[in-house]
PDB file of all heavy atoms in Angstrom:
ATOM      1  N   ARG A   1       1.633 -10.273   9.679  1.00  0.00           N
ATOM      2  CA  ARG A   1       1.216 -11.040   8.500  1.00  0.00           C
ATOM      3  C   ARG A   1       0.463 -12.293   8.917  1.00  0.00           C
ATOM      4  O   ARG A   1      -0.539 -12.664   8.300  1.00  0.00           O
ATOM      5  CB  ARG A   1       2.439 -11.421   7.659  1.00  0.00           C
ATOM      6  CG  ARG A   1       3.108 -10.264   6.961  1.00  0.00           C
ATOM      7  CD  ARG A   1       3.985 -10.733   5.804  1.00  0.00           C
ATOM      8  NE  ARG A   1       4.998 -11.672   6.234  1.00  0.00           N
ATOM      9  CZ  ARG A   1       6.218 -11.317   6.624  1.00  0.00           C
ATOM     10  NH1 ARG A   1       6.547 -10.050   6.700  1.00  0.00           N
ATOM     11  NH2 ARG A   1       7.107 -12.235   6.971  1.00  0.00           N
ATOM     12  N   THR A   2       0.929 -12.952   9.960  1.00  0.00           N
ATOM     13  CA  THR A   2       0.265 -14.159  10.432  1.00  0.00           C
ATOM     14  C   THR A   2      -1.145 -13.853  10.913  1.00  0.00           C
ATOM     15  O   THR A   2      -2.103 -14.557  10.580  1.00  0.00           O
ATOM     16  CB  THR A   2       1.076 -14.807  11.572  1.00  0.00           C
ATOM     17  OG1 THR A   2       2.389 -15.120  11.104  1.00  0.00           O
ATOM     18  CG2 THR A   2       0.407 -16.080  12.067  1.00  0.00           C
ATOM     19  N   SER A   3      -1.269 -12.773  11.680  1.00  0.00           N
ATOM     20  CA  SER A   3      -2.584 -12.381  12.183  1.00  0.00           C
ATOM     21  C   SER A   3      -3.524 -12.023  11.039  1.00  0.00           C
ATOM     22  O   SER A   3      -4.700 -12.404  11.047  1.00  0.00           O
ATOM     23  CB  SER A   3      -2.445 -11.183  13.140  1.00  0.00           C
ATOM     24  OG  SER A   3      -1.662 -11.532  14.261  1.00  0.00           O
ATOM     25  N   ALA A   4      -3.007 -11.289  10.061  1.00  0.00           N
ATOM     26  CA  ALA A   4      -3.834 -10.897   8.925  1.00  0.00           C
ATOM     27  C   ALA A   4      -4.272 -12.115   8.121  1.00  0.00           C
ATOM     28  O   ALA A   4      -5.425 -12.207   7.680  1.00  0.00           O
ATOM     29  CB  ALA A   4      -3.067  -9.927   8.025  1.00  0.00           C
ATOM     30  N   ALA A   5      -3.355 -13.063   7.926  1.00  0.00           N
ATOM     31  CA  ALA A   5      -3.690 -14.269   7.165  1.00  0.00           C
ATOM     32  C   ALA A   5      -4.745 -15.089   7.885  1.00  0.00           C
ATOM     33  O   ALA A   5      -5.700 -15.590   7.267  1.00  0.00           O
ATOM     34  CB  ALA A   5      -2.428 -15.096   6.937  1.00  0.00           C
ATOM     35  N   LEU A   6      -4.601 -15.233   9.203  1.00  0.00           N
ATOM     36  CA  LEU A   6      -5.593 -15.995   9.972  1.00  0.00           C
ATOM     37  C   LEU A   6      -6.958 -15.324   9.935  1.00  0.00           C
ATOM     38  O   LEU A   6      -7.987 -15.995   9.812  1.00  0.00           O
ATOM     39  CB  LEU A   6      -5.114 -16.137  11.424  1.00  0.00           C
ATOM     40  CG  LEU A   6      -3.912 -17.060  11.642  1.00  0.00           C
ATOM     41  CD1 LEU A   6      -3.466 -16.996  13.098  1.00  0.00           C
ATOM     42  CD2 LEU A   6      -4.256 -18.500  11.263  1.00  0.00           C
ATOM     43  N   ALA A   7      -6.955 -13.991  10.037  1.00  0.00           N
ATOM     44  CA  ALA A   7      -8.217 -13.264   9.980  1.00  0.00           C
ATOM     45  C   ALA A   7      -8.883 -13.414   8.620  1.00  0.00           C
ATOM     46  O   ALA A   7     -10.104 -13.590   8.522  1.00  0.00           O
ATOM     47  CB  ALA A   7      -7.979 -11.784  10.293  1.00  0.00           C
ATOM     48  N   ALA A   8      -8.074 -13.368   7.550  1.00  0.00           N
ATOM     49  CA  ALA A   8      -8.618 -13.517   6.203  1.00  0.00           C
ATOM     50  C   ALA A   8      -9.208 -14.910   6.003  1.00  0.00           C
ATOM     51  O   ALA A   8     -10.287 -15.067   5.420  1.00  0.00           O
ATOM     52  CB  ALA A   8      -7.526 -13.252   5.170  1.00  0.00           C
ATOM     53  N   VAL A   9      -8.492 -15.925   6.501  1.00  0.00           N
ATOM     54  CA  VAL A   9      -8.994 -17.300   6.377  1.00  0.00           C
ATOM     55  C   VAL A   9     -10.303 -17.458   7.147  1.00  0.00           C
ATOM     56  O   VAL A   9     -11.244 -18.098   6.690  1.00  0.00           O
ATOM     57  CB  VAL A   9      -7.938 -18.303   6.882  1.00  0.00           C
ATOM     58  CG1 VAL A   9      -8.530 -19.697   7.019  1.00  0.00           C
ATOM     59  CG2 VAL A   9      -6.745 -18.330   5.934  1.00  0.00           C
ATOM     60  N   LYS A  10     -10.348 -16.873   8.358  1.00  0.00           N
ATOM     61  CA  LYS A  10     -11.556 -16.964   9.172  1.00  0.00           C
ATOM     62  C   LYS A  10     -12.736 -16.314   8.467  1.00  0.00           C
ATOM     63  O   LYS A  10     -13.837 -16.868   8.423  1.00  0.00           O
ATOM     64  CB  LYS A  10     -11.318 -16.300  10.519  1.00  0.00           C
ATOM     65  CG  LYS A  10     -12.491 -16.420  11.482  1.00  0.00           C
ATOM     66  CD  LYS A  10     -12.148 -15.803  12.827  1.00  0.00           C
ATOM     67  CE  LYS A  10     -13.311 -15.926  13.798  1.00  0.00           C
ATOM     68  NZ  LYS A  10     -12.994 -15.328  15.120  1.00  0.00           N
ATOM     69  N   ARG A  11     -12.489 -15.122   7.907  1.00  0.00           N
ATOM     70  CA  ARG A  11     -13.571 -14.443   7.189  1.00  0.00           C
ATOM     71  C   ARG A  11     -13.993 -15.246   5.968  1.00  0.00           C
ATOM     72  O   ARG A  11     -15.170 -15.348   5.635  1.00  0.00           O
ATOM     73  CB  ARG A  11     -13.121 -13.045   6.779  1.00  0.00           C
ATOM     74  CG  ARG A  11     -12.986 -12.069   7.942  1.00  0.00           C
ATOM     75  CD  ARG A  11     -12.881 -10.640   7.421  1.00  0.00           C
ATOM     76  NE  ARG A  11     -11.722 -10.461   6.579  1.00  0.00           N
ATOM     77  CZ  ARG A  11     -10.523 -10.093   7.037  1.00  0.00           C
ATOM     78  NH1 ARG A  11     -10.333  -9.912   8.340  1.00  0.00           N
ATOM     79  NH2 ARG A  11      -9.511  -9.927   6.212  1.00  0.00           N
ATOM     80  N   GLN A  12     -13.043 -15.817   5.288  1.00  0.00           N
ATOM     81  CA  GLN A  12     -13.357 -16.617   4.103  1.00  0.00           C
ATOM     82  C   GLN A  12     -14.163 -17.844   4.499  1.00  0.00           C
ATOM     83  O   GLN A  12     -15.106 -18.227   3.823  1.00  0.00           O
ATOM     84  CB  GLN A  12     -12.079 -17.055   3.406  1.00  0.00           C
ATOM     85  CG  GLN A  12     -12.327 -17.838   2.120  1.00  0.00           C
ATOM     86  CD  GLN A  12     -11.038 -18.351   1.519  1.00  0.00           C
ATOM     87  OE1 GLN A  12     -10.001 -18.286   2.172  1.00  0.00           O
ATOM     88  NE2 GLN A  12     -11.094 -18.847   0.300  1.00  0.00           N
ATOM     89  N   GLY A  13     -13.810 -18.450   5.620  1.00  0.00           N
ATOM     90  CA  GLY A  13     -14.515 -19.645   6.067  1.00  0.00           C
ATOM     91  C   GLY A  13     -15.972 -19.372   6.384  1.00  0.00           C
ATOM     92  O   GLY A  13     -16.848 -20.203   6.116  1.00  0.00           O
ATOM     93  N   LYS A  14     -16.231 -18.211   6.934  1.00  0.00           N
ATOM     94  CA  LYS A  14     -17.616 -17.868   7.264  1.00  0.00           C
ATOM     95  C   LYS A  14     -18.458 -17.697   6.006  1.00  0.00           C
ATOM     96  O   LYS A  14     -19.666 -17.808   6.042  1.00  0.00           O
ATOM     97  CB  LYS A  14     -17.647 -16.566   8.078  1.00  0.00           C
ATOM     98  CG  LYS A  14     -17.141 -16.739   9.514  1.00  0.00           C
ATOM     99  CD  LYS A  14     -17.243 -15.436  10.267  1.00  0.00           C
ATOM    100  CE  LYS A  14     -16.787 -15.610  11.711  1.00  0.00           C
ATOM    101  NZ  LYS A  14     -16.867 -14.339  12.469  1.00  0.00           N
ATOM    102  N   ARG A  15     -17.822 -17.421   4.901  1.00  0.00           N
ATOM    103  CA  ARG A  15     -18.547 -17.185   3.648  1.00  0.00           C
ATOM    104  C   ARG A  15     -18.293 -18.307   2.644  1.00  0.00           C
ATOM    105  O   ARG A  15     -18.344 -18.111   1.455  1.00  0.00           O
ATOM    106  CB  ARG A  15     -18.102 -15.850   3.037  1.00  0.00           C
ATOM    107  CG  ARG A  15     -18.441 -14.638   3.901  1.00  0.00           C
ATOM    108  CD  ARG A  15     -17.864 -13.372   3.319  1.00  0.00           C
ATOM    109  NE  ARG A  15     -18.276 -12.185   4.027  1.00  0.00           N
ATOM    110  CZ  ARG A  15     -17.746 -11.745   5.152  1.00  0.00           C
ATOM    111  NH1 ARG A  15     -16.738 -12.404   5.702  1.00  0.00           N
ATOM    112  NH2 ARG A  15     -18.190 -10.652   5.748  1.00  0.00           N
ATOM    113  N   LEU A  16     -17.950 -19.477   3.159  1.00  0.00           N
ATOM    114  CA  LEU A  16     -17.630 -20.610   2.294  1.00  0.00           C
ATOM    115  C   LEU A  16     -18.783 -20.893   1.346  1.00  0.00           C
ATOM    116  O   LEU A  16     -19.929 -21.079   1.773  1.00  0.00           O
ATOM    117  CB  LEU A  16     -17.336 -21.844   3.150  1.00  0.00           C
ATOM    118  CG  LEU A  16     -16.726 -23.028   2.426  1.00  0.00           C
ATOM    119  CD1 LEU A  16     -15.364 -22.655   1.841  1.00  0.00           C
ATOM    120  CD2 LEU A  16     -16.585 -24.221   3.362  1.00  0.00           C
ATOM    121  N   GLY A  17     -18.471 -20.888   0.058  1.00  0.00           N
ATOM    122  CA  GLY A  17     -19.493 -21.133  -0.946  1.00  0.00           C
ATOM    123  C   GLY A  17     -20.235 -19.875  -1.353  1.00  0.00           C
ATOM    124  O   GLY A  17     -21.082 -19.914  -2.232  1.00  0.00           O
ATOM    125  N   ASN A  18     -19.929 -18.784  -0.699  1.00  0.00           N
ATOM    126  CA  ASN A  18     -20.589 -17.523  -0.996  1.00  0.00           C
ATOM    127  C   ASN A  18     -19.687 -16.682  -1.880  1.00  0.00           C
ATOM    128  O   ASN A  18     -18.509 -16.501  -1.566  1.00  0.00           O
ATOM    129  CB  ASN A  18     -20.854 -16.782   0.325  1.00  0.00           C
ATOM    130  CG  ASN A  18     -21.728 -15.552   0.118  1.00  0.00           C
ATOM    131  OD1 ASN A  18     -21.556 -14.829  -0.844  1.00  0.00           O
ATOM    132  ND2 ASN A  18     -22.638 -15.329   1.054  1.00  0.00           N
ATOM    133  N   PRO A  19     -20.187 -16.127  -2.960  1.00  0.00           N
ATOM    134  CA  PRO A  19     -19.347 -15.295  -3.836  1.00  0.00           C
ATOM    135  C   PRO A  19     -18.688 -14.138  -3.104  1.00  0.00           C
ATOM    136  O   PRO A  19     -17.630 -13.659  -3.501  1.00  0.00           O
ATOM    137  CB  PRO A  19     -20.343 -14.779  -4.883  1.00  0.00           C
ATOM    138  CG  PRO A  19     -21.451 -15.786  -4.887  1.00  0.00           C
ATOM    139  CD  PRO A  19     -21.561 -16.266  -3.466  1.00  0.00           C
ATOM    140  N   ASN A  20     -19.302 -13.692  -2.000  1.00  0.00           N
ATOM    141  CA  ASN A  20     -18.725 -12.573  -1.276  1.00  0.00           C
ATOM    142  C   ASN A  20     -17.437 -12.953  -0.550  1.00  0.00           C
ATOM    143  O   ASN A  20     -16.753 -12.106   0.015  1.00  0.00           O
ATOM    144  CB  ASN A  20     -19.728 -12.026  -0.261  1.00  0.00           C
ATOM    145  CG  ASN A  20     -20.891 -11.328  -0.941  1.00  0.00           C
ATOM    146  OD1 ASN A  20     -20.748 -10.794  -2.035  1.00  0.00           O
ATOM    147  ND2 ASN A  20     -22.057 -11.349  -0.296  1.00  0.00           N
ATOM    148  N   GLY A  21     -17.103 -14.262  -0.536  1.00  0.00           N
ATOM    149  CA  GLY A  21     -15.863 -14.684   0.095  1.00  0.00           C
ATOM    150  C   GLY A  21     -14.644 -14.062  -0.551  1.00  0.00           C
ATOM    151  O   GLY A  21     -13.595 -13.933   0.076  1.00  0.00           O
ATOM    152  N   SER A  22     -14.747 -13.662  -1.796  1.00  0.00           N
ATOM    153  CA  SER A  22     -13.616 -13.033  -2.478  1.00  0.00           C
ATOM    154  C   SER A  22     -13.268 -11.685  -1.858  1.00  0.00           C
ATOM    155  O   SER A  22     -12.146 -11.206  -1.993  1.00  0.00           O
ATOM    156  CB  SER A  22     -13.942 -12.838  -3.961  1.00  0.00           C
ATOM    157  OG  SER A  22     -15.100 -12.020  -4.108  1.00  0.00           O
ATOM    158  N   VAL A  23     -14.220 -11.073  -1.165  1.00  0.00           N
ATOM    159  CA  VAL A  23     -13.959  -9.794  -0.504  1.00  0.00           C
ATOM    160  C   VAL A  23     -12.908  -9.973   0.577  1.00  0.00           C
ATOM    161  O   VAL A  23     -11.991  -9.157   0.733  1.00  0.00           O
ATOM    162  CB  VAL A  23     -15.256  -9.221   0.098  1.00  0.00           C
ATOM    163  CG1 VAL A  23     -14.956  -7.954   0.892  1.00  0.00           C
ATOM    164  CG2 VAL A  23     -16.272  -8.940  -0.996  1.00  0.00           C
ATOM    165  N   ALA A  24     -13.039 -11.082   1.341  1.00  0.00           N
ATOM    166  CA  ALA A  24     -12.071 -11.346   2.401  1.00  0.00           C
ATOM    167  C   ALA A  24     -10.681 -11.549   1.828  1.00  0.00           C
ATOM    168  O   ALA A  24      -9.692 -11.060   2.379  1.00  0.00           O
ATOM    169  CB  ALA A  24     -12.495 -12.573   3.206  1.00  0.00           C
ATOM    170  N   LEU A  25     -10.613 -12.275   0.722  1.00  0.00           N
ATOM    171  CA  LEU A  25      -9.315 -12.495   0.087  1.00  0.00           C
ATOM    172  C   LEU A  25      -8.713 -11.179  -0.389  1.00  0.00           C
ATOM    173  O   LEU A  25      -7.508 -10.950  -0.255  1.00  0.00           O
ATOM    174  CB  LEU A  25      -9.458 -13.465  -1.085  1.00  0.00           C
ATOM    175  CG  LEU A  25      -9.782 -14.918  -0.725  1.00  0.00           C
ATOM    176  CD1 LEU A  25      -9.994 -15.737  -1.991  1.00  0.00           C
ATOM    177  CD2 LEU A  25      -8.669 -15.520   0.105  1.00  0.00           C
ATOM    178  N   ALA A  26      -9.550 -10.323  -0.953  1.00  0.00           N
ATOM    179  CA  ALA A  26      -9.064  -9.032  -1.430  1.00  0.00           C
ATOM    180  C   ALA A  26      -8.535  -8.195  -0.265  1.00  0.00           C
ATOM    181  O   ALA A  26      -7.484  -7.562  -0.365  1.00  0.00           O
ATOM    182  CB  ALA A  26     -10.183  -8.277  -2.151  1.00  0.00           C
ATOM    183  N   LYS A  27      -9.244  -8.221   0.867  1.00  0.00           N
ATOM    184  CA  LYS A  27      -8.773  -7.477   2.036  1.00  0.00           C
ATOM    185  C   LYS A  27      -7.452  -8.044   2.541  1.00  0.00           C
ATOM    186  O   LYS A  27      -6.566  -7.294   2.957  1.00  0.00           O
ATOM    187  CB  LYS A  27      -9.825  -7.537   3.148  1.00  0.00           C
ATOM    188  CG  LYS A  27     -11.077  -6.717   2.844  1.00  0.00           C
ATOM    189  CD  LYS A  27     -12.052  -6.799   4.014  1.00  0.00           C
ATOM    190  CE  LYS A  27     -13.285  -5.936   3.741  1.00  0.00           C
ATOM    191  NZ  LYS A  27     -14.264  -6.019   4.857  1.00  0.00           N
ATOM    192  N   GLY A  28      -7.338  -9.370   2.489  1.00  0.00           N
ATOM    193  CA  GLY A  28      -6.086  -9.992   2.912  1.00  0.00           C
ATOM    194  C   GLY A  28      -4.923  -9.553   2.048  1.00  0.00           C
ATOM    195  O   GLY A  28      -3.821  -9.309   2.558  1.00  0.00           O
ATOM    196  N   ARG A  29      -5.173  -9.430   0.749  1.00  0.00           N
ATOM    197  CA  ARG A  29      -4.117  -8.982  -0.170  1.00  0.00           C
ATOM    198  C   ARG A  29      -3.725  -7.537   0.121  1.00  0.00           C
ATOM    199  O   ARG A  29      -2.550  -7.169   0.021  1.00  0.00           O
ATOM    200  CB  ARG A  29      -4.571  -9.154  -1.619  1.00  0.00           C
ATOM    201  CG  ARG A  29      -4.571 -10.602  -2.108  1.00  0.00           C
ATOM    202  CD  ARG A  29      -4.704 -10.672  -3.615  1.00  0.00           C
ATOM    203  NE  ARG A  29      -6.026 -10.244  -4.047  1.00  0.00           N
ATOM    204  CZ  ARG A  29      -7.052 -11.066  -4.208  1.00  0.00           C
ATOM    205  NH1 ARG A  29      -6.903 -12.368  -3.945  1.00  0.00           N
ATOM    206  NH2 ARG A  29      -8.225 -10.621  -4.623  1.00  0.00           N
ATOM    207  N   VAL A  30      -4.697  -6.713   0.479  1.00  0.00           N
ATOM    208  CA  VAL A  30      -4.399  -5.317   0.816  1.00  0.00           C
ATOM    209  C   VAL A  30      -3.518  -5.254   2.053  1.00  0.00           C
ATOM    210  O   VAL A  30      -2.525  -4.505   2.097  1.00  0.00           O
ATOM    211  CB  VAL A  30      -5.705  -4.522   1.050  1.00  0.00           C
ATOM    212  CG1 VAL A  30      -5.390  -3.144   1.636  1.00  0.00           C
ATOM    213  CG2 VAL A  30      -6.472  -4.371  -0.253  1.00  0.00           C
ATOM    214  N   VAL A  31      -3.845  -6.059   3.057  1.00  0.00           N
ATOM    215  CA  VAL A  31      -3.046  -6.087   4.279  1.00  0.00           C
ATOM    216  C   VAL A  31      -1.624  -6.546   3.972  1.00  0.00           C
ATOM    217  O   VAL A  31      -0.648  -5.982   4.477  1.00  0.00           O
ATOM    218  CB  VAL A  31      -3.690  -7.010   5.333  1.00  0.00           C
ATOM    219  CG1 VAL A  31      -2.767  -7.214   6.529  1.00  0.00           C
ATOM    220  CG2 VAL A  31      -5.016  -6.420   5.801  1.00  0.00           C
ATOM    221  N   GLN A  32      -1.499  -7.580   3.129  1.00  0.00           N
ATOM    222  CA  GLN A  32      -0.181  -8.079   2.747  1.00  0.00           C
ATOM    223  C   GLN A  32       0.627  -7.003   2.038  1.00  0.00           C
ATOM    224  O   GLN A  32       1.823  -6.840   2.285  1.00  0.00           O
ATOM    225  CB  GLN A  32      -0.326  -9.304   1.834  1.00  0.00           C
ATOM    226  CG  GLN A  32      -0.803 -10.562   2.546  1.00  0.00           C
ATOM    227  CD  GLN A  32       0.312 -11.208   3.331  1.00  0.00           C
ATOM    228  OE1 GLN A  32       0.618 -10.793   4.431  1.00  0.00           O
ATOM    229  NE2 GLN A  32       0.914 -12.230   2.785  1.00  0.00           N
ATOM    230  N   ALA A  33      -0.025  -6.273   1.140  1.00  0.00           N
ATOM    231  CA  ALA A  33       0.669  -5.215   0.400  1.00  0.00           C
ATOM    232  C   ALA A  33       1.131  -4.110   1.339  1.00  0.00           C
ATOM    233  O   ALA A  33       2.241  -3.585   1.199  1.00  0.00           O
ATOM    234  CB  ALA A  33      -0.251  -4.650  -0.681  1.00  0.00           C
ATOM    235  N   GLN A  34       0.300  -3.759   2.307  1.00  0.00           N
ATOM    236  CA  GLN A  34       0.686  -2.722   3.269  1.00  0.00           C
ATOM    237  C   GLN A  34       1.876  -3.170   4.107  1.00  0.00           C
ATOM    238  O   GLN A  34       2.792  -2.384   4.375  1.00  0.00           O
ATOM    239  CB  GLN A  34      -0.507  -2.390   4.162  1.00  0.00           C
ATOM    240  CG  GLN A  34      -1.632  -1.665   3.440  1.00  0.00           C
ATOM    241  CD  GLN A  34      -2.873  -1.489   4.306  1.00  0.00           C
ATOM    242  OE1 GLN A  34      -3.031  -2.163   5.326  1.00  0.00           O
ATOM    243  NE2 GLN A  34      -3.744  -0.581   3.910  1.00  0.00           N
ATOM    244  N   ALA A  35       1.860  -4.456   4.520  1.00  0.00           N
ATOM    245  CA  ALA A  35       2.982  -4.977   5.301  1.00  0.00           C
ATOM    246  C   ALA A  35       4.265  -4.991   4.475  1.00  0.00           C
ATOM    247  O   ALA A  35       5.351  -4.689   4.980  1.00  0.00           O
ATOM    248  CB  ALA A  35       2.655  -6.388   5.796  1.00  0.00           C
ATOM    249  N   ALA A  36       4.146  -5.331   3.179  1.00  0.00           N
ATOM    250  CA  ALA A  36       5.309  -5.342   2.293  1.00  0.00           C
ATOM    251  C   ALA A  36       5.861  -3.929   2.118  1.00  0.00           C
ATOM    252  O   ALA A  36       7.082  -3.731   2.047  1.00  0.00           O
ATOM    253  CB  ALA A  36       4.940  -5.944   0.941  1.00  0.00           C
ATOM    254  N   ASP A  37       4.976  -2.934   2.068  1.00  0.00           N
ATOM    255  CA  ASP A  37       5.423  -1.544   1.971  1.00  0.00           C
ATOM    256  C   ASP A  37       6.209  -1.145   3.222  1.00  0.00           C
ATOM    257  O   ASP A  37       7.260  -0.493   3.123  1.00  0.00           O
ATOM    258  CB  ASP A  37       4.222  -0.606   1.798  1.00  0.00           C
ATOM    259  CG  ASP A  37       3.585  -0.723   0.421  1.00  0.00           C
ATOM    260  OD1 ASP A  37       4.211  -1.318  -0.471  1.00  0.00           O
ATOM    261  OD2 ASP A  37       2.456  -0.215   0.256  1.00  0.00           O
ATOM    262  N   GLU A  38       5.700  -1.524   4.397  1.00  0.00           N
ATOM    263  CA  GLU A  38       6.395  -1.207   5.641  1.00  0.00           C
ATOM    264  C   GLU A  38       7.755  -1.895   5.696  1.00  0.00           C
ATOM    265  O   GLU A  38       8.737  -1.335   6.184  1.00  0.00           O
ATOM    266  CB  GLU A  38       5.536  -1.627   6.843  1.00  0.00           C
ATOM    267  CG  GLU A  38       4.351  -0.717   7.100  1.00  0.00           C
ATOM    268  CD  GLU A  38       4.778   0.712   7.359  1.00  0.00           C
ATOM    269  OE1 GLU A  38       5.715   0.915   8.161  1.00  0.00           O
ATOM    270  OE2 GLU A  38       4.203   1.633   6.743  1.00  0.00           O
ATOM    271  N   PHE A  39       7.796  -3.115   5.193  1.00  0.00           N
ATOM    272  CA  PHE A  39       9.053  -3.853   5.164  1.00  0.00           C
ATOM    273  C   PHE A  39      10.064  -3.145   4.278  1.00  0.00           C
ATOM    274  O   PHE A  39      11.246  -3.022   4.629  1.00  0.00           O
ATOM    275  CB  PHE A  39       8.805  -5.272   4.654  1.00  0.00           C
ATOM    276  CG  PHE A  39      10.025  -6.134   4.648  1.00  0.00           C
ATOM    277  CD1 PHE A  39      10.574  -6.609   5.828  1.00  0.00           C
ATOM    278  CD2 PHE A  39      10.636  -6.485   3.451  1.00  0.00           C
ATOM    279  CE1 PHE A  39      11.698  -7.407   5.829  1.00  0.00           C
ATOM    280  CE2 PHE A  39      11.771  -7.285   3.441  1.00  0.00           C
ATOM    281  CZ  PHE A  39      12.300  -7.740   4.633  1.00  0.00           C
ATOM    282  N   ALA A  40       9.624  -2.659   3.120  1.00  0.00           N
ATOM    283  CA  ALA A  40      10.510  -1.924   2.217  1.00  0.00           C
ATOM    284  C   ALA A  40      11.027  -0.659   2.892  1.00  0.00           C
ATOM    285  O   ALA A  40      12.202  -0.306   2.755  1.00  0.00           O
ATOM    286  CB  ALA A  40       9.770  -1.579   0.922  1.00  0.00           C
TER     287      ALA A  40
END
């Protein structure tokens, strides 16, 4: 989760001010959901 969050932040930072930055956030949420599934 830590690695995924850092990667998402890094991707978001590269697109700061760019509408496409929401893509990175969406990918981060997908990774979080997958990790939560594995935890369950």
